[in-house]
Structures are given as C-alpha cells and as structure tokens.
Amino acid sequence: MKSIVLALVLSLAAGGAYADSCKVQSDSKKLAGAAKDSFMKKCAGDAATACDKSAAEKKLSGAAKDSFTKKCVSDAVGA
C-alpha cells in the first residue's frame, strides 16, 4: 500500500517535468488544422515514450505504472 501511495505522489511531482505542454507549444507556433493535429500526435507519442521510460526507471508496475503514465502523458499533452 505504501508503494502505491508513494508512486502516486511521485507521479504528481513528475507532472511538472515538462516546461511547456504540447498544447502550449502548438499555440506558440500558431499551428492549425492538419499541421496542429500532426504535431499533437507526435508530441503525445514522444510524451508516452518518455513517461514509460520514467515509470521503468522508478520500477513501477501494474496499476501504479498505469496511473503514473496516464497522468504524466496528460500533463505533457495539456488540456
């Protein structure tokens, strides 16, 4: 139980690791339409890869890994 709580706390802290979310970057580049869609898709893929790597480094597995990765990617992509 302690490891799950620790993993959730770490996931909240890791959310700030991205200086600008994908959405902020696309807005600052003034992307629209297909260019924005393509950029967002690539950015989300890159974020997922980085978040999976981070979860592996933290030795997370199961629900803790899923929760961490979901939050990490969500924070990286932006709302």
PDB file of N, CA and C in Angstrom:
ATOM      1  N   MET A   1       0.822  -1.191   0.000  1.00  0.00           N
ATOM      2  CA  MET A   1       0.000   0.000   0.000  1.00  0.00           C
ATOM      3  C   MET A   1       0.869   1.260   0.000  1.00  0.00           C
ATOM      4  N   LYS A   2       1.945   1.222   0.797  1.00  0.00           N
ATOM      5  CA  LYS A   2       2.829   2.388   0.847  1.00  0.00           C
ATOM      6  C   LYS A   2       3.449   2.672  -0.516  1.00  0.00           C
ATOM      7  N   SER A   3       3.780   1.603  -1.249  1.00  0.00           N
ATOM      8  CA  SER A   3       4.406   1.803  -2.553  1.00  0.00           C
ATOM      9  C   SER A   3       3.444   2.452  -3.546  1.00  0.00           C
ATOM     10  N   ILE A   4       2.167   2.131  -3.447  1.00  0.00           N
ATOM     11  CA  ILE A   4       1.178   2.735  -4.344  1.00  0.00           C
ATOM     12  C   ILE A   4       1.022   4.220  -4.023  1.00  0.00           C
ATOM     13  N   VAL A   5       0.958   4.541  -2.745  1.00  0.00           N
ATOM     14  CA  VAL A   5       0.843   5.945  -2.342  1.00  0.00           C
ATOM     15  C   VAL A   5       2.085   6.710  -2.777  1.00  0.00           C
ATOM     16  N   LEU A   6       3.246   6.117  -2.579  1.00  0.00           N
ATOM     17  CA  LEU A   6       4.488   6.759  -2.998  1.00  0.00           C
ATOM     18  C   LEU A   6       4.499   6.982  -4.504  1.00  0.00           C
ATOM     19  N   ALA A   7       4.049   5.995  -5.256  1.00  0.00           N
ATOM     20  CA  ALA A   7       4.013   6.117  -6.713  1.00  0.00           C
ATOM     21  C   ALA A   7       3.082   7.247  -7.150  1.00  0.00           C
ATOM     22  N   LEU A   8       1.959   7.384  -6.488  1.00  0.00           N
ATOM     23  CA  LEU A   8       1.030   8.462  -6.840  1.00  0.00           C
ATOM     24  C   LEU A   8       1.618   9.832  -6.513  1.00  0.00           C
ATOM     25  N   VAL A   9       2.296   9.932  -5.391  1.00  0.00           N
ATOM     26  CA  VAL A   9       2.941  11.199  -5.021  1.00  0.00           C
ATOM     27  C   VAL A   9       4.028  11.543  -6.038  1.00  0.00           C
ATOM     28  N   LEU A  10       4.813  10.545  -6.426  1.00  0.00           N
ATOM     29  CA  LEU A  10       5.854  10.778  -7.422  1.00  0.00           C
ATOM     30  C   LEU A  10       5.260  11.184  -8.762  1.00  0.00           C
ATOM     31  N   SER A  11       4.121  10.608  -9.107  1.00  0.00           N
ATOM     32  CA  SER A  11       3.506  10.953 -10.388  1.00  0.00           C
ATOM     33  C   SER A  11       3.034  12.405 -10.397  1.00  0.00           C
ATOM     34  N   LEU A  12       2.571  12.878  -9.274  1.00  0.00           N
ATOM     35  CA  LEU A  12       2.158  14.275  -9.197  1.00  0.00           C
ATOM     36  C   LEU A  12       3.360  15.198  -9.334  1.00  0.00           C
ATOM     37  N   ALA A  13       4.468  14.811  -8.725  1.00  0.00           N
ATOM     38  CA  ALA A  13       5.681  15.616  -8.803  1.00  0.00           C
ATOM     39  C   ALA A  13       6.267  15.598 -10.210  1.00  0.00           C
ATOM     40  N   ALA A  14       6.170  14.471 -10.884  1.00  0.00           N
ATOM     41  CA  ALA A  14       6.739  14.337 -12.223  1.00  0.00           C
ATOM     42  C   ALA A  14       5.952  15.129 -13.255  1.00  0.00           C
ATOM     43  N   GLY A  15       4.725  15.463 -12.959  1.00  0.00           N
ATOM     44  CA  GLY A  15       3.901  16.203 -13.904  1.00  0.00           C
ATOM     45  C   GLY A  15       4.491  17.535 -14.285  1.00  0.00           C
ATOM     46  N   GLY A  16       5.254  18.147 -13.402  1.00  0.00           N
ATOM     47  CA  GLY A  16       5.866  19.434 -13.676  1.00  0.00           C
ATOM     48  C   GLY A  16       7.143  19.328 -14.480  1.00  0.00           C
ATOM     49  N   ALA A  17       7.518  18.129 -14.901  1.00  0.00           N
ATOM     50  CA  ALA A  17       8.783  17.923 -15.594  1.00  0.00           C
ATOM     51  C   ALA A  17       8.783  18.565 -16.982  1.00  0.00           C
ATOM     52  N   TYR A  18       7.631  18.757 -17.576  1.00  0.00           N
ATOM     53  CA  TYR A  18       7.558  19.348 -18.902  1.00  0.00           C
ATOM     54  C   TYR A  18       7.377  20.854 -18.777  1.00  0.00           C
ATOM     55  N   ALA A  19       8.290  21.598 -19.370  1.00  0.00           N
ATOM     56  CA  ALA A  19       8.226  23.056 -19.275  1.00  0.00           C
ATOM     57  C   ALA A  19       6.970  23.585 -19.967  1.00  0.00           C
ATOM     58  N   ASP A  20       6.722  23.127 -21.165  1.00  0.00           N
ATOM     59  CA  ASP A  20       5.534  23.545 -21.914  1.00  0.00           C
ATOM     60  C   ASP A  20       4.810  22.298 -22.397  1.00  0.00           C
ATOM     61  N   SER A  21       3.499  22.315 -22.263  1.00  0.00           N
ATOM     62  CA  SER A  21       2.723  21.184 -22.762  1.00  0.00           C
ATOM     63  C   SER A  21       2.683  21.246 -24.286  1.00  0.00           C
ATOM     64  N   CYS A  22       2.280  20.154 -24.876  1.00  0.00           N
ATOM     65  CA  CYS A  22       2.154  20.099 -26.339  1.00  0.00           C
ATOM     66  C   CYS A  22       1.196  21.181 -26.833  1.00  0.00           C
ATOM     67  N   LYS A  23       0.112  21.382 -26.093  1.00  0.00           N
ATOM     68  CA  LYS A  23      -0.873  22.384 -26.492  1.00  0.00           C
ATOM     69  C   LYS A  23      -0.258  23.779 -26.484  1.00  0.00           C
ATOM     70  N   VAL A  24       0.500  24.098 -25.445  1.00  0.00           N
ATOM     71  CA  VAL A  24       1.142  25.410 -25.355  1.00  0.00           C
ATOM     72  C   VAL A  24       2.133  25.590 -26.499  1.00  0.00           C
ATOM     73  N   GLN A  25       2.891  24.535 -26.784  1.00  0.00           N
ATOM     74  CA  GLN A  25       3.857  24.613 -27.882  1.00  0.00           C
ATOM     75  C   GLN A  25       3.166  24.821 -29.220  1.00  0.00           C
ATOM     76  N   SER A  26       2.069  24.098 -29.457  1.00  0.00           N
ATOM     77  CA  SER A  26       1.371  24.244 -30.738  1.00  0.00           C
ATOM     78  C   SER A  26       0.753  25.630 -30.867  1.00  0.00           C
ATOM     79  N   ASP A  27       0.259  26.152 -29.750  1.00  0.00           N
ATOM     80  CA  ASP A  27      -0.309  27.503 -29.785  1.00  0.00           C
ATOM     81  C   ASP A  27       0.773  28.551 -30.041  1.00  0.00           C
ATOM     82  N   SER A  28       1.944  28.377 -29.424  1.00  0.00           N
ATOM     83  CA  SER A  28       3.015  29.353 -29.615  1.00  0.00           C
ATOM     84  C   SER A  28       3.569  29.306 -31.035  1.00  0.00           C
ATOM     85  N   LYS A  29       3.474  28.138 -31.687  1.00  0.00           N
ATOM     86  CA  LYS A  29       3.909  28.001 -33.076  1.00  0.00           C
ATOM     87  C   LYS A  29       2.813  28.395 -34.044  1.00  0.00           C
ATOM     88  N   LYS A  30       1.646  28.725 -33.495  1.00  0.00           N
ATOM     89  CA  LYS A  30       0.484  29.137 -34.291  1.00  0.00           C
ATOM     90  C   LYS A  30       0.100  28.077 -35.328  1.00  0.00           C
ATOM     91  N   LEU A  31       0.108  26.820 -34.882  1.00  0.00           N
ATOM     92  CA  LEU A  31      -0.276  25.724 -35.765  1.00  0.00           C
ATOM     93  C   LEU A  31      -1.793  25.597 -35.813  1.00  0.00           C
ATOM     94  N   ALA A  32      -2.302  25.142 -36.930  1.00  0.00           N
ATOM     95  CA  ALA A  32      -3.741  24.929 -37.090  1.00  0.00           C
ATOM     96  C   ALA A  32      -3.978  23.788 -38.058  1.00  0.00           C
ATOM     97  N   GLY A  33      -5.156  23.221 -37.979  1.00  0.00           N
ATOM     98  CA  GLY A  33      -5.571  22.181 -38.915  1.00  0.00           C
ATOM     99  C   GLY A  33      -4.714  20.934 -38.853  1.00  0.00           C
ATOM    100  N   ALA A  34      -4.343  20.440 -40.022  1.00  0.00           N
ATOM    101  CA  ALA A  34      -3.587  19.190 -40.124  1.00  0.00           C
ATOM    102  C   ALA A  34      -2.206  19.304 -39.492  1.00  0.00           C
ATOM    103  N   ALA A  35      -1.588  20.464 -39.598  1.00  0.00           N
ATOM    104  CA  ALA A  35      -0.258  20.656 -39.002  1.00  0.00           C
ATOM    105  C   ALA A  35      -0.338  20.526 -37.483  1.00  0.00           C
ATOM    106  N   LYS A  36      -1.381  21.105 -36.900  1.00  0.00           N
ATOM    107  CA  LYS A  36      -1.552  21.014 -35.441  1.00  0.00           C
ATOM    108  C   LYS A  36      -1.855  19.575 -35.030  1.00  0.00           C
ATOM    109  N   ASP A  37      -2.722  18.903 -35.779  1.00  0.00           N
ATOM    110  CA  ASP A  37      -3.064  17.509 -35.477  1.00  0.00           C
ATOM    111  C   ASP A  37      -1.824  16.628 -35.521  1.00  0.00           C
ATOM    112  N   SER A  38      -1.007  16.806 -36.552  1.00  0.00           N
ATOM    113  CA  SER A  38       0.208  16.021 -36.704  1.00  0.00           C
ATOM    114  C   SER A  38       1.183  16.304 -35.564  1.00  0.00           C
ATOM    115  N   PHE A  39       1.353  17.578 -35.232  1.00  0.00           N
ATOM    116  CA  PHE A  39       2.254  17.953 -34.144  1.00  0.00           C
ATOM    117  C   PHE A  39       1.779  17.367 -32.819  1.00  0.00           C
ATOM    118  N   MET A  40       0.495  17.467 -32.540  1.00  0.00           N
ATOM    119  CA  MET A  40      -0.047  16.959 -31.281  1.00  0.00           C
ATOM    120  C   MET A  40       0.108  15.442 -31.186  1.00  0.00           C
ATOM    121  N   LYS A  41      -0.105  14.737 -32.303  1.00  0.00           N
ATOM    122  CA  LYS A  41       0.029  13.285 -32.306  1.00  0.00           C
ATOM    123  C   LYS A  41       1.476  12.881 -32.026  1.00  0.00           C
ATOM    124  N   LYS A  42       2.423  13.542 -32.674  1.00  0.00           N
ATOM    125  CA  LYS A  42       3.834  13.232 -32.459  1.00  0.00           C
ATOM    126  C   LYS A  42       4.251  13.593 -31.040  1.00  0.00           C
ATOM    127  N   CYS A  43       3.817  14.730 -30.568  1.00  0.00           N
ATOM    128  CA  CYS A  43       4.160  15.182 -29.226  1.00  0.00           C
ATOM    129  C   CYS A  43       3.609  14.215 -28.176  1.00  0.00           C
ATOM    130  N   ALA A  44       2.392  13.768 -28.340  1.00  0.00           N
ATOM    131  CA  ALA A  44       1.788  12.813 -27.401  1.00  0.00           C
ATOM    132  C   ALA A  44       2.533  11.485 -27.427  1.00  0.00           C
ATOM    133  N   GLY A  45       2.951  11.050 -28.603  1.00  0.00           N
ATOM    134  CA  GLY A  45       3.727   9.816 -28.721  1.00  0.00           C
ATOM    135  C   GLY A  45       5.072   9.928 -28.021  1.00  0.00           C
ATOM    136  N   ASP A  46       5.729  11.073 -28.225  1.00  0.00           N
ATOM    137  CA  ASP A  46       7.008  11.314 -27.559  1.00  0.00           C
ATOM    138  C   ASP A  46       6.831  11.357 -26.043  1.00  0.00           C
ATOM    139  N   ALA A  47       5.751  11.976 -25.594  1.00  0.00           N
ATOM    140  CA  ALA A  47       5.474  12.056 -24.160  1.00  0.00           C
ATOM    141  C   ALA A  47       5.223  10.676 -23.578  1.00  0.00           C
ATOM    142  N   ALA A  48       4.473   9.846 -24.298  1.00  0.00           N
ATOM    143  CA  ALA A  48       4.182   8.488 -23.825  1.00  0.00           C
ATOM    144  C   ALA A  48       5.470   7.687 -23.683  1.00  0.00           C
ATOM    145  N   THR A  49       6.363   7.825 -24.644  1.00  0.00           N
ATOM    146  CA  THR A  49       7.648   7.125 -24.587  1.00  0.00           C
ATOM    147  C   THR A  49       8.463   7.591 -23.389  1.00  0.00           C
ATOM    148  N   ALA A  50       8.523   8.908 -23.185  1.00  0.00           N
ATOM    149  CA  ALA A  50       9.280   9.452 -22.060  1.00  0.00           C
ATOM    150  C   ALA A  50       8.664   9.042 -20.724  1.00  0.00           C
ATOM    151  N   CYS A  51       7.351   9.035 -20.651  1.00  0.00           N
ATOM    152  CA  CYS A  51       6.669   8.660 -19.412  1.00  0.00           C
ATOM    153  C   CYS A  51       6.847   7.172 -19.111  1.00  0.00           C
ATOM    154  N   ASP A  52       6.803   6.334 -20.144  1.00  0.00           N
ATOM    155  CA  ASP A  52       7.047   4.898 -19.952  1.00  0.00           C
ATOM    156  C   ASP A  52       8.464   4.659 -19.439  1.00  0.00           C
ATOM    157  N   LYS A  53       9.418   5.389 -19.995  1.00  0.00           N
ATOM    158  CA  LYS A  53      10.811   5.266 -19.560  1.00  0.00           C
ATOM    159  C   LYS A  53      10.954   5.709 -18.108  1.00  0.00           C
ATOM    160  N   SER A  54      10.299   6.801 -17.776  1.00  0.00           N
ATOM    161  CA  SER A  54      10.345   7.303 -16.405  1.00  0.00           C
ATOM    162  C   SER A  54       9.717   6.310 -15.431  1.00  0.00           C
ATOM    163  N   ALA A  55       8.624   5.697 -15.822  1.00  0.00           N
ATOM    164  CA  ALA A  55       7.966   4.697 -14.976  1.00  0.00           C
ATOM    165  C   ALA A  55       8.871   3.482 -14.779  1.00  0.00           C
ATOM    166  N   ALA A  56       9.583   3.098 -15.832  1.00  0.00           N
ATOM    167  CA  ALA A  56      10.501   1.962 -15.730  1.00  0.00           C
ATOM    168  C   ALA A  56      11.663   2.288 -14.795  1.00  0.00           C
ATOM    169  N   GLU A  57      12.163   3.526 -14.890  1.00  0.00           N
ATOM    170  CA  GLU A  57      13.255   3.944 -14.006  1.00  0.00           C
ATOM    171  C   GLU A  57      12.823   3.939 -12.545  1.00  0.00           C
ATOM    172  N   LYS A  58      11.556   4.218 -12.313  1.00  0.00           N
ATOM    173  CA  LYS A  58      11.019   4.231 -10.949  1.00  0.00           C
ATOM    174  C   LYS A  58      10.579   2.840 -10.507  1.00  0.00           C
ATOM    175  N   LYS A  59      10.755   1.855 -11.415  1.00  0.00           N
ATOM    176  CA  LYS A  59      10.394   0.466 -11.143  1.00  0.00           C
ATOM    177  C   LYS A  59       8.917   0.309 -10.780  1.00  0.00           C
ATOM    178  N   LEU A  60       8.060   1.048 -11.479  1.00  0.00           N
ATOM    179  CA  LEU A  60       6.624   0.947 -11.257  1.00  0.00           C
ATOM    180  C   LEU A  60       6.060  -0.181 -12.104  1.00  0.00           C
ATOM    181  N   SER A  61       5.011  -0.800 -11.608  1.00  0.00           N
ATOM    182  CA  SER A  61       4.345  -1.837 -12.387  1.00  0.00           C
ATOM    183  C   SER A  61       2.868  -1.855 -12.028  1.00  0.00           C
ATOM    184  N   GLY A  62       2.094  -2.517 -12.860  1.00  0.00           N
ATOM    185  CA  GLY A  62       0.664  -2.668 -12.611  1.00  0.00           C
ATOM    186  C   GLY A  62      -0.082  -1.351 -12.598  1.00  0.00           C
ATOM    187  N   ALA A  63      -0.982  -1.223 -11.625  1.00  0.00           N
ATOM    188  CA  ALA A  63      -1.848  -0.047 -11.532  1.00  0.00           C
ATOM    189  C   ALA A  63      -1.052   1.225 -11.271  1.00  0.00           C
ATOM    190  N   ALA A  64       0.013   1.116 -10.490  1.00  0.00           N
ATOM    191  CA  ALA A  64       0.833   2.300 -10.205  1.00  0.00           C
ATOM    192  C   ALA A  64       1.477   2.828 -11.481  1.00  0.00           C
ATOM    193  N   LYS A  65       1.971   1.921 -12.339  1.00  0.00           N
ATOM    194  CA  LYS A  65       2.573   2.328 -13.609  1.00  0.00           C
ATOM    195  C   LYS A  65       1.524   2.952 -14.514  1.00  0.00           C
ATOM    196  N   ASP A  66       0.358   2.306 -14.602  1.00  0.00           N
ATOM    197  CA  ASP A  66      -0.716   2.826 -15.450  1.00  0.00           C
ATOM    198  C   ASP A  66      -1.146   4.222 -15.012  1.00  0.00           C
ATOM    199  N   SER A  67      -1.322   4.397 -13.713  1.00  0.00           N
ATOM    200  CA  SER A  67      -1.740   5.691 -13.171  1.00  0.00           C
ATOM    201  C   SER A  67      -0.679   6.753 -13.428  1.00  0.00           C
ATOM    202  N   PHE A  68       0.576   6.407 -13.166  1.00  0.00           N
ATOM    203  CA  PHE A  68       1.673   7.344 -13.378  1.00  0.00           C
ATOM    204  C   PHE A  68       1.751   7.756 -14.845  1.00  0.00           C
ATOM    205  N   THR A  69       1.727   6.773 -15.741  1.00  0.00           N
ATOM    206  CA  THR A  69       1.864   7.052 -17.168  1.00  0.00           C
ATOM    207  C   THR A  69       0.704   7.889 -17.687  1.00  0.00           C
ATOM    208  N   LYS A  70      -0.508   7.567 -17.268  1.00  0.00           N
ATOM    209  CA  LYS A  70      -1.687   8.322 -17.711  1.00  0.00           C
ATOM    210  C   LYS A  70      -1.583   9.783 -17.284  1.00  0.00           C
ATOM    211  N   LYS A  71      -1.231  10.027 -16.026  1.00  0.00           N
ATOM    212  CA  LYS A  71      -1.107  11.398 -15.515  1.00  0.00           C
ATOM    213  C   LYS A  71       0.043  12.128 -16.209  1.00  0.00           C
ATOM    214  N   CYS A  72       1.157  11.445 -16.365  1.00  0.00           N
ATOM    215  CA  CYS A  72       2.334  12.030 -16.985  1.00  0.00           C
ATOM    216  C   CYS A  72       2.031  12.475 -18.428  1.00  0.00           C
ATOM    217  N   VAL A  73       1.424  11.612 -19.195  1.00  0.00           N
ATOM    218  CA  VAL A  73       1.087  11.940 -20.596  1.00  0.00           C
ATOM    219  C   VAL A  73       0.048  13.057 -20.631  1.00  0.00           C
ATOM    220  N   SER A  74      -0.933  12.997 -19.754  1.00  0.00           N
ATOM    221  CA  SER A  74      -1.959  14.040 -19.708  1.00  0.00           C
ATOM    222  C   SER A  74      -1.346  15.400 -19.418  1.00  0.00           C
ATOM    223  N   ASP A  75      -0.425  15.443 -18.477  1.00  0.00           N
ATOM    224  CA  ASP A  75       0.238  16.699 -18.136  1.00  0.00           C
ATOM    225  C   ASP A  75       1.109  17.196 -19.294  1.00  0.00           C
ATOM    226  N   ALA A  76       1.766  16.268 -19.966  1.00  0.00           N
ATOM    227  CA  ALA A  76       2.654  16.647 -21.068  1.00  0.00           C
ATOM    228  C   ALA A  76       1.880  17.164 -22.275  1.00  0.00           C
ATOM    229  N   VAL A  77       0.733  16.568 -22.545  1.00  0.00           N
ATOM    230  CA  VAL A  77      -0.058  16.968 -23.704  1.00  0.00           C
ATOM    231  C   VAL A  77      -0.814  18.264 -23.422  1.00  0.00           C
ATOM    232  N   GLY A  78      -1.322  18.418 -22.225  1.00  0.00           N
ATOM    233  CA  GLY A  78      -2.095  19.609 -21.874  1.00  0.00           C
ATOM    234  C   GLY A  78      -3.562  19.407 -22.193  1.00  0.00           C
ATOM    235  N   ALA A  79      -4.376  20.225 -21.592  1.00  0.00           N
ATOM    236  CA  ALA A  79      -5.823  20.059 -21.768  1.00  0.00           C
ATOM    237  C   ALA A  79      -6.376  21.049 -22.747  1.00  0.00           C
TER     238      ALA A  79
END
